[in-house]
Structures are given as structure tokens and as C-alpha cells.
Protein backbone atom coordinates (compact mmCIF):
# COMPACT_ATOMS: atom_id res chain seq x y z
CA MET A 1 125.64 85.48 116.30
CA ARG A 2 122.13 85.88 117.72
CA PRO A 3 119.84 88.04 115.53
CA VAL A 4 118.37 91.19 117.06
CA ILE A 5 114.99 90.47 115.44
CA SER A 6 113.71 87.01 114.58
CA VAL A 7 110.32 86.55 112.93
CA SER A 8 108.95 83.06 112.31
CA SER A 9 105.74 82.13 110.43
CA LEU A 10 104.11 85.47 111.28
CA SER A 11 100.54 85.94 110.07
CA LYS A 12 97.88 88.59 110.61
CA ARG A 13 94.27 88.00 109.66
CA TYR A 14 91.36 90.41 109.63
CA ARG A 15 87.71 89.56 109.19
CA LEU A 16 85.90 92.15 107.12
CA GLY A 17 82.34 93.40 107.45
CA LEU A 18 81.59 92.46 111.08
CA LYS A 19 80.64 95.94 112.20
CA GLU A 20 76.87 96.37 112.13
CA LYS A 21 75.09 99.46 110.92
CA GLN A 22 73.32 101.23 113.78
CA ALA A 23 69.59 101.99 113.46
CA GLU A 24 68.82 105.67 112.97
CA THR A 25 65.23 105.62 114.30
CA LEU A 26 63.65 104.59 117.61
CA ALA A 27 61.57 101.91 115.89
CA GLY A 28 64.70 100.50 114.31
CA GLN A 29 66.53 100.39 117.63
CA ILE A 30 63.56 98.56 119.27
CA ALA A 31 63.55 96.06 116.40
CA ASN A 32 67.28 95.46 116.89
CA VAL A 33 66.71 94.75 120.60
CA ILE A 34 63.98 92.24 119.79
CA LYS A 35 66.15 90.49 117.20
CA SER A 36 69.34 90.63 119.27
CA PRO A 37 69.12 87.03 120.66
CA TRP A 38 69.00 85.67 117.12
CA LYS A 39 71.84 87.98 116.02
CA ASN A 40 73.97 86.90 118.96
CA LEU A 41 73.36 83.24 118.10
CA LYS A 42 74.41 83.93 114.51
CA LYS A 43 77.57 85.71 115.74
CA LEU A 44 78.49 82.68 117.82
CA LYS A 45 78.08 80.47 114.76
CA ASP A 46 80.25 82.86 112.74
CA LEU A 47 82.94 82.79 115.42
CA SER A 48 82.92 78.99 115.39
CA ARG A 49 83.76 79.17 111.70
CA PHE A 50 86.42 81.85 112.17
CA GLY A 51 89.21 79.53 111.15
CA LEU A 52 87.52 78.79 107.83
CA GLU A 53 88.45 80.72 104.71
CA ASP A 54 85.75 82.81 103.01
CA ASP A 55 85.40 86.15 101.27
CA SER A 56 85.33 88.05 104.58
CA VAL A 57 88.82 86.89 105.59
CA PHE A 58 91.71 89.17 104.67
CA TRP A 59 95.32 88.16 105.33
CA ALA A 60 97.43 91.28 105.80
CA LEU A 61 100.46 89.02 106.44
CA LYS A 62 100.83 85.32 105.80
CA ASP A 63 103.67 83.07 106.97
CA VAL A 64 106.32 85.81 107.09
CA SER A 65 109.77 84.77 108.35
CA PHE A 66 113.07 86.68 108.45
CA GLU A 67 115.95 87.71 110.71
CA VAL A 68 117.74 91.02 111.23
CA GLN A 69 121.27 91.21 112.59
CA GLU A 70 122.67 93.85 114.95
CA GLY A 71 123.68 97.05 113.14
CA GLU A 72 121.84 96.08 109.95
CA VAL A 73 119.56 98.48 108.04
CA LEU A 74 116.74 96.44 106.52
CA GLY A 75 114.56 97.98 103.81
CA ILE A 76 110.94 96.85 103.47
CA ILE A 77 109.35 97.67 100.13
CA GLY A 78 106.18 96.83 98.26
CA LYS A 79 103.14 98.45 96.75
CA ASN A 80 100.38 99.99 98.86
CA GLY A 81 98.48 97.25 100.69
CA ALA A 82 101.38 94.80 100.58
CA GLY A 83 101.49 94.51 104.40
CA LYS A 84 104.46 96.76 105.20
CA SER A 85 102.77 98.94 107.82
CA THR A 86 101.04 95.96 109.42
CA LEU A 87 104.40 94.25 109.84
CA LEU A 88 105.93 97.32 111.50
CA LYS A 89 102.94 97.73 113.83
CA ILE A 90 103.30 94.13 114.97
CA LEU A 91 107.05 94.53 115.53
CA SER A 92 106.32 97.73 117.47
CA GLN A 93 103.79 95.82 119.62
CA ILE A 94 100.94 98.07 118.51
CA THR A 95 99.05 95.23 116.81
CA GLU A 96 98.81 91.57 117.90
CA PRO A 97 99.62 88.90 115.31
CA THR A 98 97.14 86.13 114.54
CA SER A 99 99.88 83.50 114.66
CA GLY A 100 103.64 83.15 114.52
CA LYS A 101 106.58 83.97 116.75
CA ILE A 102 108.62 87.16 117.21
CA GLU A 103 111.82 87.57 119.23
CA ILE A 104 113.23 91.07 119.75
CA HIS A 105 116.38 91.72 121.75
CA GLY A 106 116.65 95.39 122.64
CA ARG A 107 114.60 98.53 123.14
CA VAL A 108 112.46 99.56 120.17
CA ALA A 109 111.63 103.13 119.10
CA SER A 110 109.10 103.53 116.27
CA LEU A 111 107.94 106.33 114.02
CA LEU A 112 104.97 104.90 112.13
CA GLU A 113 102.32 107.59 111.77
CA VAL A 114 102.21 111.34 112.29
CA GLY A 115 101.92 111.97 116.03
CA THR A 116 102.46 108.35 117.08
CA GLY A 117 103.71 108.18 120.67
CA PHE A 118 102.84 111.77 121.50
CA HIS A 119 100.23 112.96 124.02
CA PRO A 120 98.49 115.89 122.30
CA GLU A 121 97.93 117.84 125.54
CA LEU A 122 101.59 117.68 126.58
CA SER A 123 104.25 120.02 125.27
CA GLY A 124 107.04 118.85 122.99
CA ARG A 125 109.47 118.90 125.93
CA GLU A 126 107.12 116.86 128.13
CA ASN A 127 106.61 114.32 125.35
CA ILE A 128 110.38 113.87 125.04
CA TYR A 129 110.57 112.94 128.73
CA MET A 130 107.52 110.68 128.45
CA ASN A 131 109.02 108.75 125.51
CA GLY A 132 112.38 108.43 127.25
CA THR A 133 110.70 107.06 130.36
CA ILE A 134 108.79 104.50 128.25
CA LEU A 135 112.15 103.37 126.82
CA GLY A 136 113.45 102.84 130.37
CA MET A 137 115.78 105.84 130.47
CA THR A 138 116.44 107.84 133.62
CA ARG A 139 115.77 111.57 133.76
CA ARG A 140 119.51 112.24 133.83
CA GLU A 141 119.96 110.21 130.63
CA ILE A 142 117.15 112.14 128.94
CA ASP A 143 118.59 115.46 130.17
CA SER A 144 121.89 114.64 128.48
CA LYS A 145 120.11 114.17 125.13
CA LEU A 146 117.52 116.95 125.40
CA ASP A 147 119.40 119.79 123.68
CA GLU A 148 120.51 117.50 120.84
CA ILE A 149 116.93 116.29 120.27
CA ILE A 150 115.49 119.81 120.21
CA ASP A 151 118.24 121.14 117.96
CA PHE A 152 117.90 118.28 115.45
CA SER A 153 114.11 118.64 115.28
CA GLY A 154 114.22 122.36 114.49
CA VAL A 155 111.10 123.08 116.59
CA GLU A 156 112.89 124.82 119.48
CA LYS A 157 110.56 127.86 119.30
CA PHE A 158 107.55 125.61 119.95
CA ILE A 159 109.10 123.03 122.30
CA ASP A 160 106.95 124.19 125.25
CA THR A 161 103.75 124.37 123.17
CA PRO A 162 101.22 121.47 123.36
CA VAL A 163 101.81 119.04 120.52
CA LYS A 164 98.15 119.28 119.43
CA PHE A 165 99.03 122.68 117.93
CA TYR A 166 101.94 121.28 115.87
CA SER A 167 101.68 120.84 112.11
CA SER A 168 102.17 117.36 110.63
CA GLY A 169 105.70 118.29 109.58
CA MET A 170 106.59 119.51 113.08
CA LYS A 171 105.27 116.30 114.65
CA VAL A 172 107.34 114.21 112.27
CA ARG A 173 110.48 116.26 112.92
CA LEU A 174 110.16 115.93 116.67
CA GLY A 175 109.06 112.29 116.46
CA PHE A 176 112.07 111.24 114.41
CA SER A 177 114.44 113.25 116.56
CA VAL A 178 113.10 111.60 119.72
CA ALA A 179 113.23 108.10 118.21
CA ALA A 180 116.75 108.51 116.83
CA HIS A 181 118.41 110.21 119.81
CA LEU A 182 117.02 108.34 122.83
CA ASP A 183 119.39 105.42 122.21
CA PRO A 184 117.03 102.56 121.30
CA GLU A 185 118.78 99.43 120.07
CA ILE A 186 116.19 99.12 117.27
CA LEU A 187 114.74 101.98 115.21
CA ILE A 188 111.60 101.38 113.12
CA ILE A 189 110.71 104.06 110.56
CA ASP A 190 107.71 104.08 108.22
CA GLU A 191 107.07 106.22 105.12
CA VAL A 192 105.91 108.99 107.46
CA LEU A 193 109.21 110.80 106.72
CA ALA A 194 107.73 111.84 103.38
CA VAL A 195 105.78 114.52 105.29
CA GLY A 196 108.97 116.43 106.12
CA ASP A 197 110.73 118.91 103.86
CA TYR A 198 113.76 117.98 101.77
CA GLU A 199 116.44 119.30 104.11
CA PHE A 200 114.98 117.39 107.05
CA GLN A 201 114.59 114.22 104.96
CA LYS A 202 118.28 114.46 104.10
CA LYS A 203 119.14 114.89 107.80
CA CYS A 204 117.02 111.83 108.66
CA VAL A 205 118.68 109.62 106.04
CA GLY A 206 122.09 110.73 107.31
CA LYS A 207 121.10 110.07 110.91
CA MET A 208 119.81 106.59 110.11
CA GLY A 209 123.09 105.77 108.41
CA ASP A 210 124.98 107.14 111.41
CA VAL A 211 123.08 105.16 114.07
CA SER A 212 123.66 101.99 112.06
CA LYS A 213 127.29 102.33 110.97
CA ASN A 214 128.75 104.29 113.87
CA GLN A 215 126.51 103.28 116.78
CA GLY A 216 125.76 99.68 115.81
CA ARG A 217 121.99 100.05 116.07
CA THR A 218 119.47 98.21 113.94
CA VAL A 219 117.08 100.05 111.60
CA LEU A 220 113.93 98.84 109.82
CA PHE A 221 112.98 101.29 107.08
CA VAL A 222 109.83 101.36 104.95
CA SER A 223 109.87 103.79 102.03
CA HIS A 224 108.71 104.33 98.46
CA ASN A 225 111.85 106.38 97.86
CA MET A 226 114.01 103.72 96.23
CA GLY A 227 117.01 106.02 96.17
CA ALA A 228 116.97 106.17 99.98
CA ILE A 229 116.46 102.39 100.18
CA GLN A 230 119.38 101.83 97.81
CA LYS A 231 121.63 104.19 99.76
CA LEU A 232 120.82 103.03 103.30
CA CYS A 233 119.87 99.36 103.22
CA GLN A 234 122.29 96.47 102.79
CA LYS A 235 119.38 94.01 102.54
CA SER A 236 115.70 94.48 101.74
CA ILE A 237 112.46 92.54 101.84
CA LEU A 238 109.89 92.70 99.04
CA LEU A 239 106.33 92.15 100.29
CA GLU A 240 103.42 91.36 98.02
CA SER A 241 99.89 90.66 99.30
CA GLY A 242 101.27 89.90 102.78
CA ILE A 243 103.88 87.39 101.56
CA ILE A 244 107.66 87.82 101.33
CA VAL A 245 108.55 87.52 97.65
CA THR A 246 112.27 88.26 98.05
CA ASN A 247 114.68 88.73 100.95
CA GLU A 248 118.12 89.46 99.52
CA ILE A 249 120.66 92.23 99.01
CA THR A 250 118.91 95.48 98.09
CA SER A 251 120.07 95.73 94.47
CA VAL A 252 118.59 92.29 93.69
CA VAL A 253 115.34 93.08 95.50
CA LEU A 254 114.91 96.36 93.61
CA GLU A 255 115.43 94.59 90.29
CA LYS A 256 112.72 92.07 91.17
CA TYR A 257 110.40 94.80 92.45
CA PHE A 258 110.58 96.77 89.22
CA GLY A 259 110.64 93.59 87.16
CA LYS A 260 107.14 92.74 88.39
CA GLU A 261 105.58 95.73 86.63
CA GLU A 262 103.03 94.81 83.95
CA GLU A 263 103.50 95.49 80.24
CA LYS A 264 107.27 95.56 80.40
CA LYS A 265 107.57 95.00 76.65
CA TYR A 266 105.51 94.74 73.49
CA GLN A 267 105.26 91.63 71.33
CA ARG A 268 102.95 91.35 68.34
CA THR A 269 100.83 88.20 68.43
CA LYS A 270 100.98 85.80 65.50
CA ASN A 271 97.32 86.27 64.51
CA GLU A 272 97.56 90.07 64.31
CA GLU A 273 97.38 91.30 60.74
CA LYS A 274 100.52 92.92 59.40
CA LYS A 275 100.21 95.98 57.19
CA GLU A 276 102.78 97.38 54.79
CA TYR A 277 104.83 98.32 57.83
CA SER A 278 104.35 96.91 61.34
CA ILE A 279 105.90 97.09 64.79
CA ASP A 280 106.74 93.51 65.80
CA SER A 281 108.29 94.11 69.22
CA ALA A 282 109.53 96.78 71.60
CA GLN A 283 111.49 96.73 74.84
CA LEU A 284 113.84 98.82 76.96
CA THR A 285 117.45 97.95 77.75
CA ASP A 286 120.34 99.53 79.61
CA SER A 287 123.33 100.91 77.70
CA LEU A 288 124.83 97.41 77.54
CA GLY A 289 121.72 95.88 75.96
CA ASN A 290 120.37 94.15 79.08
CA PRO A 291 116.52 94.21 79.17
CA LYS A 292 115.33 96.33 82.10
CA ASN A 293 112.36 98.41 83.21
CA SER A 294 113.96 100.48 85.96
CA PHE A 295 116.82 102.90 85.53
CA PHE A 296 118.66 105.28 87.81
CA HIS A 297 118.31 108.86 86.59
CA ASP A 298 122.08 109.15 86.08
CA SER A 299 122.21 106.22 83.63
CA GLY A 300 120.84 106.22 80.10
CA PHE A 301 118.58 103.63 78.49
CA ILE A 302 117.68 102.38 75.01
CA VAL A 303 114.25 102.03 73.39
CA CYS A 304 114.50 99.06 71.00
CA VAL A 305 111.77 98.74 68.34
CA LYS A 306 111.68 95.97 65.72
CA VAL A 307 109.98 97.00 62.47
CA THR A 308 108.94 94.74 59.57
CA GLU A 309 108.57 96.06 56.01
CA LYS A 310 106.26 94.07 53.72
CA ILE A 311 106.08 96.55 50.85
CA LYS A 312 108.70 99.23 50.31
CA ILE A 313 107.29 102.73 50.61
CA ASN A 314 109.35 105.90 50.62
CA GLU A 315 109.33 108.37 53.49
CA VAL A 316 108.05 106.13 56.34
CA TYR A 317 108.89 107.20 59.89
CA LEU A 318 108.96 105.60 63.32
CA PHE A 319 107.71 108.03 65.97
CA VAL A 320 108.61 107.28 69.64
CA THR A 321 106.97 109.22 72.48
CA ILE A 322 107.66 109.01 76.22
CA LEU A 323 104.51 109.41 78.35
CA ASP A 324 104.37 110.27 82.05
CA SER A 325 102.09 108.53 84.57
CA ASN A 326 99.23 110.87 83.56
CA LEU A 327 99.78 110.03 79.86
CA ASN A 328 101.12 113.49 79.10
CA LYS A 329 103.57 113.49 76.18
CA ILE A 330 106.99 114.37 77.59
CA PHE A 331 109.37 113.84 74.71
CA SER A 332 109.20 112.61 71.12
CA ALA A 333 111.73 111.48 68.54
CA GLU A 334 111.39 110.20 65.00
CA GLN A 335 113.54 108.08 62.74
CA LYS A 336 113.22 107.38 59.02
CA VAL A 337 112.52 103.68 58.44
CA ILE A 338 114.71 101.91 55.91
CA GLY A 339 113.86 98.21 55.64
CA SER A 340 113.06 95.56 58.25
CA LYS A 341 115.32 95.83 61.29
CA GLN A 342 115.58 96.91 64.91
CA TYR A 343 115.69 100.64 65.52
CA LYS A 344 117.28 101.95 68.72
CA LEU A 345 116.73 105.27 70.45
CA PHE A 346 119.27 106.13 73.16
CA VAL A 347 117.88 108.38 75.92
CA LYS A 348 120.81 110.01 77.68
CA GLU A 349 121.49 110.01 81.41
CA LYS A 350 120.11 112.75 83.68
CA PHE A 351 117.27 113.49 81.29
CA LEU A 352 114.12 112.25 83.06
CA THR A 353 113.30 112.96 86.70
CA ARG A 354 112.15 110.27 89.12
CA GLY A 355 108.77 108.80 88.18
CA ASN A 356 106.78 106.26 86.17
CA TYR A 357 106.71 106.39 82.40
CA SER A 358 105.66 104.43 79.33
CA ILE A 359 106.26 104.44 75.57
CA GLN A 360 103.94 105.22 72.64
CA LEU A 361 104.89 104.07 69.13
CA ILE A 362 103.65 105.13 65.69
CA LEU A 363 104.65 104.01 62.17
CA TYR A 364 103.42 106.49 59.57
CA LYS A 365 103.93 108.24 56.26
CA PRO A 366 103.50 111.97 56.88
CA GLY A 367 100.14 113.28 55.66
CA ILE A 368 99.28 109.97 53.96
CA SER A 369 98.87 106.93 56.20
CA GLN A 370 99.37 105.54 59.71
CA PHE A 371 100.56 101.93 59.44
CA ASP A 372 100.81 100.94 63.10
CA PHE A 373 100.01 102.53 66.46
CA ILE A 374 100.88 101.18 69.94
CA GLU A 375 99.14 103.54 72.35
CA GLN A 376 101.02 102.58 75.54
CA THR A 377 103.65 99.93 76.28
CA CYS A 378 107.05 99.35 77.90
CA HIS A 379 106.17 100.73 81.33
CA PHE A 380 109.31 101.78 83.20
CA GLU A 381 110.51 103.76 86.19
CA ILE A 382 113.25 106.30 86.70
CA ILE A 383 114.57 106.18 90.27
CA ASP A 384 116.69 108.57 92.26
CA SER A 385 120.27 107.35 92.62
CA GLY A 386 120.98 109.63 95.58
CA SER A 387 123.59 111.63 93.64
CA ASP A 388 123.61 115.33 92.76
CA PHE A 389 120.05 115.21 91.42
CA VAL A 390 117.70 114.26 94.27
CA HIS A 391 113.94 114.05 93.90
CA LEU A 392 112.23 116.21 96.50
CA ASN A 393 108.78 115.54 97.89
CA SER A 394 108.52 119.23 98.74
CA PHE A 395 109.78 120.56 95.40
CA ASP A 396 108.61 119.91 91.86
CA TYR A 397 111.52 119.43 89.45
CA GLY A 398 109.18 118.97 86.51
CA VAL A 399 109.72 115.97 84.26
CA VAL A 400 113.04 116.54 82.50
CA PHE A 401 116.39 117.96 83.49
CA GLY A 402 117.28 120.62 80.92
CA ASN A 403 120.50 120.28 78.94
CA TYR A 404 121.77 123.76 79.68
CA GLU A 405 124.67 125.75 81.09
CA TRP A 406 125.05 129.02 82.97
CA ILE A 407 127.07 131.67 81.15
CA ASN A 408 128.51 135.05 82.19
């Protein structure tokens, strides 16, 4: 079967620092005119070396190849600056690639940035017709979709107002509604959906699943919401510094993405001095004992800490603290240490909300001595599993889910 999108050896290169600073005085401008022949000659020399690698060359994408089948939802993940948005802009024919080949079979609708594809002076209604015309639709075809687009967007009160007066959220709502309802064969969505409120985000995720499963359309989806990626995408691509690191089923890609985080575990080096009590190693595992550094919020995890006792001292405690991304102390637990062994702390499911965390470890005798202190280690992430607890960009859940019940 012929793929809907085929990308082969795609690269995008930028040269940094070519824009000249303009003179701010008349004398400076005259001097620039006098020197311009020499500057132009230098520019020509620079252009002749454009293919050479130096510090001014930045590769946003390098030798990227993949295929997307009809009806497939492909997730594209990676840290900021990995090349995700550049890739989508090239596929949307907004940016030209430096090299490589792209084949796209079908009409493409994109939602990449707030307001993309809208003329600010036109009303929302007029922009719907403009976008439909660009996609090759007749007015009758657009008319048949108009009410559905307006209703889904939730901006019906402002549909005849110029888009330049819309808020960012309103632009995103209308932009997604237009892209999803005007029957493109390929839908390209960037992280811009994070601007919308929770209810609209949920509608968008449902609509993307619908256009793929029930209408057979292809979706490319960039997001930092790994719960949405897990729920929607059969396959995903992991980009790092413009290069595809992994292109597999989504569960495998997410494991590799989180597995690349630094400081996943602690291991004492051989030349470090050991005191009466010392922490030799620490790592996180799932409930089955498999080492991991990413966990869905509805599954528990275990903090495993190996302690060595050189000299027996009574009343020694291991203190474990979970830190958030701002190094605030979220939760602490202590355990009395009895001999050299591995101590395990089980953190129950549905305790932490979505976010990045780390572990702090202390071995001490209360009021007397601190034997060992690991300030920050075992970085890990709690991700939204898309179940009854959903992380909202527009609502702050705090850091922990309380263990409570409502009573009459």
C-alpha cells in the first residue's frame, strides 16, 4: 500500500549571524556605504563556503526519513529545539527544506501557530470560506460544513467579528475546527492546542481520534502531553537535535524518551569515602521491580536504596524526600536502618500529579550526626494516563492527589 506521506533524507540547515546591525547615525550609514563593496565581496566568499561546516551552521533537521500510512495517527515528540516544529512547517509547505525528498498524497490542513492561516482583517466566517477555498473545496461543500465548524469552535457569538480581535484561545478553537472539519486527507497539529481550555482540548483529542478511526484520515500530532500521545498515536517518532532517534510503536518510543533523562539513578563511586553508614546506590522501579524513570499516575513505583553499615549504631534512619521540578519538598518518609541491605519505599498509585520529580536521600542519627546526604538524584516523570485523573493546562491540581473520601 502506498504511504500517504513519504519523507526521505530530509534536512534543513540555517546559517546563524548573517543579519547585519544597522548603523544608528548618519556618519555610520555613510561609512557603511563606502565599505559596502568590500562587504559584498566578503558575502560572496561566505556564500561560496556555504556548504562547509562551521560554528554558524545549525541543522534543524538532518537526514530524516519516515513514512505515514493512510488513517495512521503519528506522534512526534522531543524536547524543545529537537526539530519538531521545523518538520511540520516543511510538511505544511511553509518552509523549504535544504535537501531531501517529500511525497504527500492528499490535501493538507495544518494548525501550527496561533492564528496560522487566518487573515486578521477578515471575520471568522470569511476565514472559514478562505481556508476551504485554499483546500480546493467548492462554496457548496463549505456551506454544508459551516454550522458544524462554528458549533465545534464555540465562537459563534464572534463569528462575524474580524479575527484580529480574537483572543489566542479563540483563534486556536476556530483554527482547529476549520482544519478538522474541512475534510483534508492529512491533518497536522502542533502543540498550539495547549492554549485552549481543558474542555476544548478534550474535544480536540476526541475529534482527532474520530477523523483517524472513523474517517480514515491521517494525523501528525506534536505534543508534550504524553497522555494524549499515548492515547491517540499508534506509532511515534522521537526527535533529538534534528535526528530521528526512534520510530516505533508509541509505548516503546515513550520508554526511550523518558529513559534518556540524566541522573536516572545513583551509584557511589569506588573512591568515595564510606562513613559509619553510607548510601551505595538508589534507583526507581515499577511494582514488578523493573528499573524505570517514567510512571503513569495510576501506577505505583518503588524507591530502592542500598545502605551499607560499617559500624553498628542504634537509632539510625533513612530519610527519603520527593522533590518537584522547583526543588520544593513534596513528601517525605523515614525508615529505621537495621544492618546493610536494600530498603524499599512503595509510593502508591494516584498519589503524584503529572510532572517532573527527583529524590533526596539522607542517612542520619536524630540530633547527633548526618552520615550521608544525596541532595538530588533519580530524576523521574509522572505522566497522565488519560484515565479519570487528567492533567489540565488551564487548572492547577497541585502536586499530590489527596487520599480522601466524601462523607454525608
